[in-house]
mmCIF file of all heavy atoms, coordinates in Angstrom:
data_MODEL
# 
_entry.id   MODEL 
# 
loop_
_atom_site.group_PDB 
_atom_site.id 
_atom_site.type_symbol 
_atom_site.label_atom_id 
_atom_site.label_alt_id 
_atom_site.label_comp_id 
_atom_site.label_asym_id 
_atom_site.label_entity_id 
_atom_site.label_seq_id 
_atom_site.pdbx_PDB_ins_code 
_atom_site.Cartn_x 
_atom_site.Cartn_y 
_atom_site.Cartn_z 
_atom_site.occupancy 
_atom_site.B_iso_or_equiv 
_atom_site.pdbx_formal_charge 
_atom_site.auth_seq_id 
_atom_site.auth_comp_id 
_atom_site.auth_asym_id 
_atom_site.auth_atom_id 
_atom_site.pdbx_PDB_model_num 
ATOM 1   N N   . LEU A 1 1  ? -152.561 -24.648 -88.494  1.00 0.00 ? 1  LEU A N   1 
ATOM 2   C CA  . LEU A 1 1  ? -152.734 -26.087 -88.140  1.00 0.00 ? 1  LEU A CA  1 
ATOM 3   C C   . LEU A 1 1  ? -154.087 -26.566 -88.530  1.00 0.00 ? 1  LEU A C   1 
ATOM 4   O O   . LEU A 1 1  ? -154.292 -27.563 -89.057  1.00 0.00 ? 1  LEU A O   1 
ATOM 5   C CB  . LEU A 1 1  ? -152.383 -26.259 -86.696  1.00 0.00 ? 1  LEU A CB  1 
ATOM 6   C CG  . LEU A 1 1  ? -152.595 -27.757 -86.170  1.00 0.00 ? 1  LEU A CG  1 
ATOM 7   C CD1 . LEU A 1 1  ? -151.611 -28.680 -86.947  1.00 0.00 ? 1  LEU A CD1 1 
ATOM 8   C CD2 . LEU A 1 1  ? -152.303 -27.867 -84.652  1.00 0.00 ? 1  LEU A CD2 1 
ATOM 9   N N   . VAL A 1 2  ? -155.120 -25.725 -88.081  1.00 0.00 ? 2  VAL A N   1 
ATOM 10  C CA  . VAL A 1 2  ? -156.523 -26.131 -88.368  1.00 0.00 ? 2  VAL A CA  1 
ATOM 11  C C   . VAL A 1 2  ? -156.766 -26.261 -89.895  1.00 0.00 ? 2  VAL A C   1 
ATOM 12  O O   . VAL A 1 2  ? -157.391 -27.251 -90.328  1.00 0.00 ? 2  VAL A O   1 
ATOM 13  C CB  . VAL A 1 2  ? -157.475 -25.058 -87.799  1.00 0.00 ? 2  VAL A CB  1 
ATOM 14  C CG1 . VAL A 1 2  ? -158.896 -25.461 -88.249  1.00 0.00 ? 2  VAL A CG1 1 
ATOM 15  C CG2 . VAL A 1 2  ? -157.469 -25.177 -86.274  1.00 0.00 ? 2  VAL A CG2 1 
ATOM 16  N N   . ASP A 1 3  ? -156.207 -25.382 -90.652  1.00 0.00 ? 3  ASP A N   1 
ATOM 17  C CA  . ASP A 1 3  ? -156.343 -25.407 -92.072  1.00 0.00 ? 3  ASP A CA  1 
ATOM 18  C C   . ASP A 1 3  ? -155.645 -26.611 -92.762  1.00 0.00 ? 3  ASP A C   1 
ATOM 19  O O   . ASP A 1 3  ? -156.167 -27.225 -93.692  1.00 0.00 ? 3  ASP A O   1 
ATOM 20  C CB  . ASP A 1 3  ? -155.808 -24.013 -92.686  1.00 0.00 ? 3  ASP A CB  1 
ATOM 21  C CG  . ASP A 1 3  ? -156.756 -22.916 -92.425  1.00 0.00 ? 3  ASP A CG  1 
ATOM 22  O OD1 . ASP A 1 3  ? -157.927 -23.121 -92.127  1.00 0.00 ? 3  ASP A OD1 1 
ATOM 23  O OD2 . ASP A 1 3  ? -156.207 -21.774 -92.474  1.00 0.00 ? 3  ASP A OD2 1 
ATOM 24  N N   . VAL A 1 4  ? -154.468 -26.879 -92.212  1.00 0.00 ? 4  VAL A N   1 
ATOM 25  C CA  . VAL A 1 4  ? -153.715 -28.033 -92.733  1.00 0.00 ? 4  VAL A CA  1 
ATOM 26  C C   . VAL A 1 4  ? -154.453 -29.309 -92.369  1.00 0.00 ? 4  VAL A C   1 
ATOM 27  O O   . VAL A 1 4  ? -154.594 -30.263 -93.264  1.00 0.00 ? 4  VAL A O   1 
ATOM 28  C CB  . VAL A 1 4  ? -152.276 -28.087 -92.194  1.00 0.00 ? 4  VAL A CB  1 
ATOM 29  C CG1 . VAL A 1 4  ? -151.576 -29.411 -92.476  1.00 0.00 ? 4  VAL A CG1 1 
ATOM 30  C CG2 . VAL A 1 4  ? -151.489 -26.883 -92.671  1.00 0.00 ? 4  VAL A CG2 1 
ATOM 31  N N   . VAL A 1 5  ? -154.930 -29.432 -91.109  1.00 0.00 ? 5  VAL A N   1 
ATOM 32  C CA  . VAL A 1 5  ? -155.698 -30.723 -90.773  1.00 0.00 ? 5  VAL A CA  1 
ATOM 33  C C   . VAL A 1 5  ? -156.945 -30.796 -91.667  1.00 0.00 ? 5  VAL A C   1 
ATOM 34  O O   . VAL A 1 5  ? -157.191 -31.984 -92.105  1.00 0.00 ? 5  VAL A O   1 
ATOM 35  C CB  . VAL A 1 5  ? -156.109 -30.557 -89.276  1.00 0.00 ? 5  VAL A CB  1 
ATOM 36  C CG1 . VAL A 1 5  ? -157.067 -31.659 -88.914  1.00 0.00 ? 5  VAL A CG1 1 
ATOM 37  C CG2 . VAL A 1 5  ? -154.919 -30.686 -88.379  1.00 0.00 ? 5  VAL A CG2 1 
ATOM 38  N N   . ARG A 1 6  ? -157.638 -29.798 -91.907  1.00 0.00 ? 6  ARG A N   1 
ATOM 39  C CA  . ARG A 1 6  ? -158.885 -29.844 -92.760  1.00 0.00 ? 6  ARG A CA  1 
ATOM 40  C C   . ARG A 1 6  ? -158.502 -30.329 -94.137  1.00 0.00 ? 6  ARG A C   1 
ATOM 41  O O   . ARG A 1 6  ? -159.083 -31.145 -94.802  1.00 0.00 ? 6  ARG A O   1 
ATOM 42  C CB  . ARG A 1 6  ? -159.531 -28.525 -92.895  1.00 0.00 ? 6  ARG A CB  1 
ATOM 43  C CG  . ARG A 1 6  ? -160.321 -28.161 -91.567  1.00 0.00 ? 6  ARG A CG  1 
ATOM 44  C CD  . ARG A 1 6  ? -160.874 -26.719 -91.678  1.00 0.00 ? 6  ARG A CD  1 
ATOM 45  N NE  . ARG A 1 6  ? -161.658 -26.376 -90.577  1.00 0.00 ? 6  ARG A NE  1 
ATOM 46  C CZ  . ARG A 1 6  ? -162.125 -25.150 -90.339  1.00 0.00 ? 6  ARG A CZ  1 
ATOM 47  N NH1 . ARG A 1 6  ? -161.854 -24.148 -91.180  1.00 0.00 ? 6  ARG A NH1 1 
ATOM 48  N NH2 . ARG A 1 6  ? -162.803 -24.883 -89.216  1.00 0.00 ? 6  ARG A NH2 1 
ATOM 49  N N   . SER A 1 7  ? -157.370 -29.800 -94.750  1.00 0.00 ? 7  SER A N   1 
ATOM 50  C CA  . SER A 1 7  ? -157.016 -30.065 -96.158  1.00 0.00 ? 7  SER A CA  1 
ATOM 51  C C   . SER A 1 7  ? -156.576 -31.631 -96.175  1.00 0.00 ? 7  SER A C   1 
ATOM 52  O O   . SER A 1 7  ? -156.875 -32.244 -97.129  1.00 0.00 ? 7  SER A O   1 
ATOM 53  C CB  . SER A 1 7  ? -155.837 -29.148 -96.581  1.00 0.00 ? 7  SER A CB  1 
ATOM 54  O OG  . SER A 1 7  ? -156.261 -27.870 -96.576  1.00 0.00 ? 7  SER A OG  1 
ATOM 55  N N   . ILE A 1 8  ? -155.836 -32.041 -95.219  1.00 0.00 ? 8  ILE A N   1 
ATOM 56  C CA  . ILE A 1 8  ? -155.353 -33.407 -95.194  1.00 0.00 ? 8  ILE A CA  1 
ATOM 57  C C   . ILE A 1 8  ? -156.482 -34.450 -95.019  1.00 0.00 ? 8  ILE A C   1 
ATOM 58  O O   . ILE A 1 8  ? -156.566 -35.394 -95.589  1.00 0.00 ? 8  ILE A O   1 
ATOM 59  C CB  . ILE A 1 8  ? -154.230 -33.669 -94.158  1.00 0.00 ? 8  ILE A CB  1 
ATOM 60  C CG1 . ILE A 1 8  ? -152.939 -32.944 -94.651  1.00 0.00 ? 8  ILE A CG1 1 
ATOM 61  C CG2 . ILE A 1 8  ? -153.945 -35.127 -93.968  1.00 0.00 ? 8  ILE A CG2 1 
ATOM 62  C CD1 . ILE A 1 8  ? -151.745 -32.971 -93.678  1.00 0.00 ? 8  ILE A CD1 1 
ATOM 63  N N   . LEU A 1 9  ? -157.455 -33.987 -94.071  1.00 0.00 ? 9  LEU A N   1 
ATOM 64  C CA  . LEU A 1 9  ? -158.558 -34.879 -93.763  1.00 0.00 ? 9  LEU A CA  1 
ATOM 65  C C   . LEU A 1 9  ? -159.384 -35.114 -94.981  1.00 0.00 ? 9  LEU A C   1 
ATOM 66  O O   . LEU A 1 9  ? -160.081 -36.099 -95.200  1.00 0.00 ? 9  LEU A O   1 
ATOM 67  C CB  . LEU A 1 9  ? -159.383 -34.284 -92.677  1.00 0.00 ? 9  LEU A CB  1 
ATOM 68  C CG  . LEU A 1 9  ? -158.994 -34.573 -91.228  1.00 0.00 ? 9  LEU A CG  1 
ATOM 69  C CD1 . LEU A 1 9  ? -159.919 -33.876 -90.323  1.00 0.00 ? 9  LEU A CD1 1 
ATOM 70  C CD2 . LEU A 1 9  ? -158.963 -36.070 -90.858  1.00 0.00 ? 9  LEU A CD2 1 
ATOM 71  N N   . ALA A 1 10 ? -159.492 -34.131 -95.881  1.00 0.00 ? 10 ALA A N   1 
ATOM 72  C CA  . ALA A 1 10 ? -160.303 -34.123 -97.088  1.00 0.00 ? 10 ALA A CA  1 
ATOM 73  C C   . ALA A 1 10 ? -159.935 -35.192 -98.062  1.00 0.00 ? 10 ALA A C   1 
ATOM 74  O O   . ALA A 1 10 ? -160.658 -35.669 -98.787  1.00 0.00 ? 10 ALA A O   1 
ATOM 75  C CB  . ALA A 1 10 ? -160.309 -32.767 -97.793  1.00 0.00 ? 10 ALA A CB  1 
ATOM 76  N N   . ILE A 1 11 ? -158.603 -35.581 -97.924  1.00 0.00 ? 11 ILE A N   1 
ATOM 77  C CA  . ILE A 1 11 ? -158.072 -36.637 -98.923  1.00 0.00 ? 11 ILE A CA  1 
ATOM 78  C C   . ILE A 1 11 ? -157.553 -37.789 -98.188  1.00 0.00 ? 11 ILE A C   1 
ATOM 79  O O   . ILE A 1 11 ? -157.158 -38.778 -98.847  1.00 0.00 ? 11 ILE A O   1 
ATOM 80  C CB  . ILE A 1 11 ? -156.954 -36.017 -99.809  1.00 0.00 ? 11 ILE A CB  1 
ATOM 81  C CG1 . ILE A 1 11 ? -155.850 -35.362 -98.849  1.00 0.00 ? 11 ILE A CG1 1 
ATOM 82  C CG2 . ILE A 1 11 ? -157.579 -34.925 -100.718 1.00 0.00 ? 11 ILE A CG2 1 
ATOM 83  C CD1 . ILE A 1 11 ? -154.812 -36.292 -98.493  1.00 0.00 ? 11 ILE A CD1 1 
ATOM 84  N N   . ALA A 1 12 ? -157.703 -37.922 -96.879  1.00 0.00 ? 12 ALA A N   1 
ATOM 85  C CA  . ALA A 1 12 ? -157.289 -39.166 -96.181  1.00 0.00 ? 12 ALA A CA  1 
ATOM 86  C C   . ALA A 1 12 ? -158.231 -40.259 -96.423  1.00 0.00 ? 12 ALA A C   1 
ATOM 87  O O   . ALA A 1 12 ? -159.494 -40.028 -96.598  1.00 0.00 ? 12 ALA A O   1 
ATOM 88  C CB  . ALA A 1 12 ? -157.300 -38.795 -94.646  1.00 0.00 ? 12 ALA A CB  1 
ATOM 89  N N   . PRO A 1 13 ? -157.705 -41.524 -96.458  1.00 0.00 ? 13 PRO A N   1 
ATOM 90  C CA  . PRO A 1 13 ? -158.584 -42.687 -96.677  1.00 0.00 ? 13 PRO A CA  1 
ATOM 91  C C   . PRO A 1 13 ? -159.589 -42.662 -95.488  1.00 0.00 ? 13 PRO A C   1 
ATOM 92  O O   . PRO A 1 13 ? -159.317 -42.484 -94.319  1.00 0.00 ? 13 PRO A O   1 
ATOM 93  C CB  . PRO A 1 13 ? -157.576 -43.850 -96.541  1.00 0.00 ? 13 PRO A CB  1 
ATOM 94  C CG  . PRO A 1 13 ? -156.231 -43.235 -96.771  1.00 0.00 ? 13 PRO A CG  1 
ATOM 95  C CD  . PRO A 1 13 ? -156.280 -41.844 -96.302  1.00 0.00 ? 13 PRO A CD  1 
ATOM 96  N N   . SER A 1 14 ? -160.839 -43.227 -95.819  1.00 0.00 ? 14 SER A N   1 
ATOM 97  C CA  . SER A 1 14 ? -161.866 -43.309 -94.908  1.00 0.00 ? 14 SER A CA  1 
ATOM 98  C C   . SER A 1 14 ? -161.483 -44.182 -93.776  1.00 0.00 ? 14 SER A C   1 
ATOM 99  O O   . SER A 1 14 ? -161.860 -43.884 -92.552  1.00 0.00 ? 14 SER A O   1 
ATOM 100 C CB  . SER A 1 14 ? -163.141 -43.787 -95.534  1.00 0.00 ? 14 SER A CB  1 
ATOM 101 O OG  . SER A 1 14 ? -162.962 -45.069 -96.172  1.00 0.00 ? 14 SER A OG  1 
ATOM 102 N N   . GLU A 1 15 ? -160.803 -45.348 -93.969  1.00 0.00 ? 15 GLU A N   1 
ATOM 103 C CA  . GLU A 1 15 ? -160.447 -46.277 -92.853  1.00 0.00 ? 15 GLU A CA  1 
ATOM 104 C C   . GLU A 1 15 ? -159.368 -45.623 -92.005  1.00 0.00 ? 15 GLU A C   1 
ATOM 105 O O   . GLU A 1 15 ? -158.989 -46.294 -90.959  1.00 0.00 ? 15 GLU A O   1 
ATOM 106 C CB  . GLU A 1 15 ? -160.045 -47.563 -93.465  1.00 0.00 ? 15 GLU A CB  1 
ATOM 107 C CG  . GLU A 1 15 ? -158.731 -47.610 -94.339  1.00 0.00 ? 15 GLU A CG  1 
ATOM 108 C CD  . GLU A 1 15 ? -159.054 -47.114 -95.777  1.00 0.00 ? 15 GLU A CD  1 
ATOM 109 O OE1 . GLU A 1 15 ? -160.225 -46.858 -96.151  1.00 0.00 ? 15 GLU A OE1 1 
ATOM 110 O OE2 . GLU A 1 15 ? -158.077 -47.006 -96.488  1.00 0.00 ? 15 GLU A OE2 1 
ATOM 111 N N   . TRP A 1 16 ? -158.711 -44.618 -92.490  1.00 0.00 ? 16 TRP A N   1 
ATOM 112 C CA  . TRP A 1 16 ? -157.647 -43.914 -91.605  1.00 0.00 ? 16 TRP A CA  1 
ATOM 113 C C   . TRP A 1 16 ? -158.209 -43.567 -90.252  1.00 0.00 ? 16 TRP A C   1 
ATOM 114 O O   . TRP A 1 16 ? -157.520 -43.586 -89.282  1.00 0.00 ? 16 TRP A O   1 
ATOM 115 C CB  . TRP A 1 16 ? -157.215 -42.717 -92.434  1.00 0.00 ? 16 TRP A CB  1 
ATOM 116 C CG  . TRP A 1 16 ? -156.283 -41.813 -91.580  1.00 0.00 ? 16 TRP A CG  1 
ATOM 117 C CD1 . TRP A 1 16 ? -154.890 -41.861 -91.392  1.00 0.00 ? 16 TRP A CD1 1 
ATOM 118 C CD2 . TRP A 1 16 ? -156.733 -40.653 -90.827  1.00 0.00 ? 16 TRP A CD2 1 
ATOM 119 N NE1 . TRP A 1 16 ? -154.539 -40.838 -90.573  1.00 0.00 ? 16 TRP A NE1 1 
ATOM 120 C CE2 . TRP A 1 16 ? -155.580 -40.098 -90.207  1.00 0.00 ? 16 TRP A CE2 1 
ATOM 121 C CE3 . TRP A 1 16 ? -157.997 -40.117 -90.665  1.00 0.00 ? 16 TRP A CE3 1 
ATOM 122 C CZ2 . TRP A 1 16 ? -155.664 -38.955 -89.407  1.00 0.00 ? 16 TRP A CZ2 1 
ATOM 123 C CZ3 . TRP A 1 16 ? -158.051 -38.966 -89.832  1.00 0.00 ? 16 TRP A CZ3 1 
ATOM 124 C CH2 . TRP A 1 16 ? -156.982 -38.379 -89.212  1.00 0.00 ? 16 TRP A CH2 1 
ATOM 125 N N   . VAL A 1 17 ? -159.493 -43.223 -90.246  1.00 0.00 ? 17 VAL A N   1 
ATOM 126 C CA  . VAL A 1 17 ? -160.005 -42.869 -88.958  1.00 0.00 ? 17 VAL A CA  1 
ATOM 127 C C   . VAL A 1 17 ? -159.943 -43.889 -87.909  1.00 0.00 ? 17 VAL A C   1 
ATOM 128 O O   . VAL A 1 17 ? -159.671 -43.614 -86.723  1.00 0.00 ? 17 VAL A O   1 
ATOM 129 C CB  . VAL A 1 17 ? -161.576 -42.449 -89.101  1.00 0.00 ? 17 VAL A CB  1 
ATOM 130 C CG1 . VAL A 1 17 ? -162.258 -42.163 -87.858  1.00 0.00 ? 17 VAL A CG1 1 
ATOM 131 C CG2 . VAL A 1 17 ? -161.736 -41.278 -90.110  1.00 0.00 ? 17 VAL A CG2 1 
ATOM 132 N N   . LEU A 1 18 ? -160.131 -45.122 -88.286  1.00 0.00 ? 18 LEU A N   1 
ATOM 133 C CA  . LEU A 1 18 ? -159.957 -46.271 -87.292  1.00 0.00 ? 18 LEU A CA  1 
ATOM 134 C C   . LEU A 1 18 ? -158.555 -46.434 -86.811  1.00 0.00 ? 18 LEU A C   1 
ATOM 135 O O   . LEU A 1 18 ? -158.360 -46.558 -85.593  1.00 0.00 ? 18 LEU A O   1 
ATOM 136 C CB  . LEU A 1 18 ? -160.377 -47.596 -88.022  1.00 0.00 ? 18 LEU A CB  1 
ATOM 137 C CG  . LEU A 1 18 ? -161.846 -47.706 -88.429  1.00 0.00 ? 18 LEU A CG  1 
ATOM 138 C CD1 . LEU A 1 18 ? -162.154 -49.006 -89.182  1.00 0.00 ? 18 LEU A CD1 1 
ATOM 139 C CD2 . LEU A 1 18 ? -162.833 -47.519 -87.223  1.00 0.00 ? 18 LEU A CD2 1 
ATOM 140 N N   . ALA A 1 19 ? -157.540 -46.201 -87.707  1.00 0.00 ? 19 ALA A N   1 
ATOM 141 C CA  . ALA A 1 19 ? -156.185 -46.227 -87.258  1.00 0.00 ? 19 ALA A CA  1 
ATOM 142 C C   . ALA A 1 19 ? -155.853 -45.157 -86.345  1.00 0.00 ? 19 ALA A C   1 
ATOM 143 O O   . ALA A 1 19 ? -155.145 -45.286 -85.379  1.00 0.00 ? 19 ALA A O   1 
ATOM 144 C CB  . ALA A 1 19 ? -155.273 -46.299 -88.485  1.00 0.00 ? 19 ALA A CB  1 
ATOM 145 N N   . PHE A 1 20 ? -156.350 -43.957 -86.702  1.00 0.00 ? 20 PHE A N   1 
ATOM 146 C CA  . PHE A 1 20 ? -156.167 -42.745 -85.890  1.00 0.00 ? 20 PHE A CA  1 
ATOM 147 C C   . PHE A 1 20 ? -156.732 -42.933 -84.480  1.00 0.00 ? 20 PHE A C   1 
ATOM 148 O O   . PHE A 1 20 ? -156.185 -42.565 -83.438  1.00 0.00 ? 20 PHE A O   1 
ATOM 149 C CB  . PHE A 1 20 ? -156.773 -41.530 -86.581  1.00 0.00 ? 20 PHE A CB  1 
ATOM 150 C CG  . PHE A 1 20 ? -156.583 -40.213 -85.756  1.00 0.00 ? 20 PHE A CG  1 
ATOM 151 C CD1 . PHE A 1 20 ? -155.310 -39.732 -85.670  1.00 0.00 ? 20 PHE A CD1 1 
ATOM 152 C CD2 . PHE A 1 20 ? -157.748 -39.561 -85.282  1.00 0.00 ? 20 PHE A CD2 1 
ATOM 153 C CE1 . PHE A 1 20 ? -155.148 -38.487 -84.977  1.00 0.00 ? 20 PHE A CE1 1 
ATOM 154 C CE2 . PHE A 1 20 ? -157.463 -38.349 -84.661  1.00 0.00 ? 20 PHE A CE2 1 
ATOM 155 C CZ  . PHE A 1 20 ? -156.275 -37.829 -84.513  1.00 0.00 ? 20 PHE A CZ  1 
ATOM 156 N N   . ALA A 1 21 ? -158.033 -43.502 -84.464  1.00 0.00 ? 21 ALA A N   1 
ATOM 157 C CA  . ALA A 1 21 ? -158.617 -43.789 -83.242  1.00 0.00 ? 21 ALA A CA  1 
ATOM 158 C C   . ALA A 1 21 ? -157.776 -44.798 -82.292  1.00 0.00 ? 21 ALA A C   1 
ATOM 159 O O   . ALA A 1 21 ? -157.715 -44.629 -81.082  1.00 0.00 ? 21 ALA A O   1 
ATOM 160 C CB  . ALA A 1 21 ? -160.063 -44.310 -83.362  1.00 0.00 ? 21 ALA A CB  1 
ATOM 161 N N   . ALA A 1 22 ? -157.235 -45.800 -83.003  1.00 0.00 ? 22 ALA A N   1 
ATOM 162 C CA  . ALA A 1 22 ? -156.428 -46.722 -82.281  1.00 0.00 ? 22 ALA A CA  1 
ATOM 163 C C   . ALA A 1 22 ? -155.172 -46.072 -81.667  1.00 0.00 ? 22 ALA A C   1 
ATOM 164 O O   . ALA A 1 22 ? -154.715 -46.441 -80.591  1.00 0.00 ? 22 ALA A O   1 
ATOM 165 C CB  . ALA A 1 22 ? -155.999 -47.880 -83.289  1.00 0.00 ? 22 ALA A CB  1 
ATOM 166 N N   . LEU A 1 23 ? -154.608 -45.140 -82.419  1.00 0.00 ? 23 LEU A N   1 
ATOM 167 C CA  . LEU A 1 23 ? -153.456 -44.441 -81.860  1.00 0.00 ? 23 LEU A CA  1 
ATOM 168 C C   . LEU A 1 23 ? -153.832 -43.515 -80.651  1.00 0.00 ? 23 LEU A C   1 
ATOM 169 O O   . LEU A 1 23 ? -153.087 -43.486 -79.630  1.00 0.00 ? 23 LEU A O   1 
ATOM 170 C CB  . LEU A 1 23 ? -152.840 -43.521 -82.902  1.00 0.00 ? 23 LEU A CB  1 
ATOM 171 C CG  . LEU A 1 23 ? -152.023 -44.236 -84.002  1.00 0.00 ? 23 LEU A CG  1 
ATOM 172 C CD1 . LEU A 1 23 ? -151.582 -43.294 -85.082  1.00 0.00 ? 23 LEU A CD1 1 
ATOM 173 C CD2 . LEU A 1 23 ? -150.851 -45.017 -83.417  1.00 0.00 ? 23 LEU A CD2 1 
ATOM 174 N N   . TRP A 1 24 ? -155.009 -43.039 -80.670  1.00 0.00 ? 24 TRP A N   1 
ATOM 175 C CA  . TRP A 1 24 ? -155.589 -42.331 -79.471  1.00 0.00 ? 24 TRP A CA  1 
ATOM 176 C C   . TRP A 1 24 ? -155.645 -43.211 -78.255  1.00 0.00 ? 24 TRP A C   1 
ATOM 177 O O   . TRP A 1 24 ? -155.257 -42.854 -77.139  1.00 0.00 ? 24 TRP A O   1 
ATOM 178 C CB  . TRP A 1 24 ? -157.002 -41.828 -79.729  1.00 0.00 ? 24 TRP A CB  1 
ATOM 179 C CG  . TRP A 1 24 ? -157.060 -40.424 -80.396  1.00 0.00 ? 24 TRP A CG  1 
ATOM 180 C CD1 . TRP A 1 24 ? -157.198 -40.137 -81.639  1.00 0.00 ? 24 TRP A CD1 1 
ATOM 181 C CD2 . TRP A 1 24 ? -156.926 -39.123 -79.660  1.00 0.00 ? 24 TRP A CD2 1 
ATOM 182 N NE1 . TRP A 1 24 ? -157.175 -38.794 -81.849  1.00 0.00 ? 24 TRP A NE1 1 
ATOM 183 C CE2 . TRP A 1 24 ? -157.053 -38.114 -80.681  1.00 0.00 ? 24 TRP A CE2 1 
ATOM 184 C CE3 . TRP A 1 24 ? -156.665 -38.820 -78.350  1.00 0.00 ? 24 TRP A CE3 1 
ATOM 185 C CZ2 . TRP A 1 24 ? -156.936 -36.849 -80.368  1.00 0.00 ? 24 TRP A CZ2 1 
ATOM 186 C CZ3 . TRP A 1 24 ? -156.625 -37.463 -78.024  1.00 0.00 ? 24 TRP A CZ3 1 
ATOM 187 C CH2 . TRP A 1 24 ? -156.745 -36.466 -79.032  1.00 0.00 ? 24 TRP A CH2 1 
ATOM 188 N N   . VAL A 1 25 ? -156.185 -44.434 -78.545  1.00 0.00 ? 25 VAL A N   1 
ATOM 189 C CA  . VAL A 1 25 ? -156.188 -45.430 -77.371  1.00 0.00 ? 25 VAL A CA  1 
ATOM 190 C C   . VAL A 1 25 ? -154.866 -45.810 -76.925  1.00 0.00 ? 25 VAL A C   1 
ATOM 191 O O   . VAL A 1 25 ? -154.612 -45.935 -75.683  1.00 0.00 ? 25 VAL A O   1 
ATOM 192 C CB  . VAL A 1 25 ? -157.023 -46.701 -77.929  1.00 0.00 ? 25 VAL A CB  1 
ATOM 193 C CG1 . VAL A 1 25 ? -156.911 -47.800 -76.803  1.00 0.00 ? 25 VAL A CG1 1 
ATOM 194 C CG2 . VAL A 1 25 ? -158.330 -46.409 -78.276  1.00 0.00 ? 25 VAL A CG2 1 
# 
């Protein structure tokens, strides 16, 4: 899981972080 997350994060759009944070909220 850690390896998959790292691989996907490497190519995820930079603004994706904001959407991900919103889902956390």
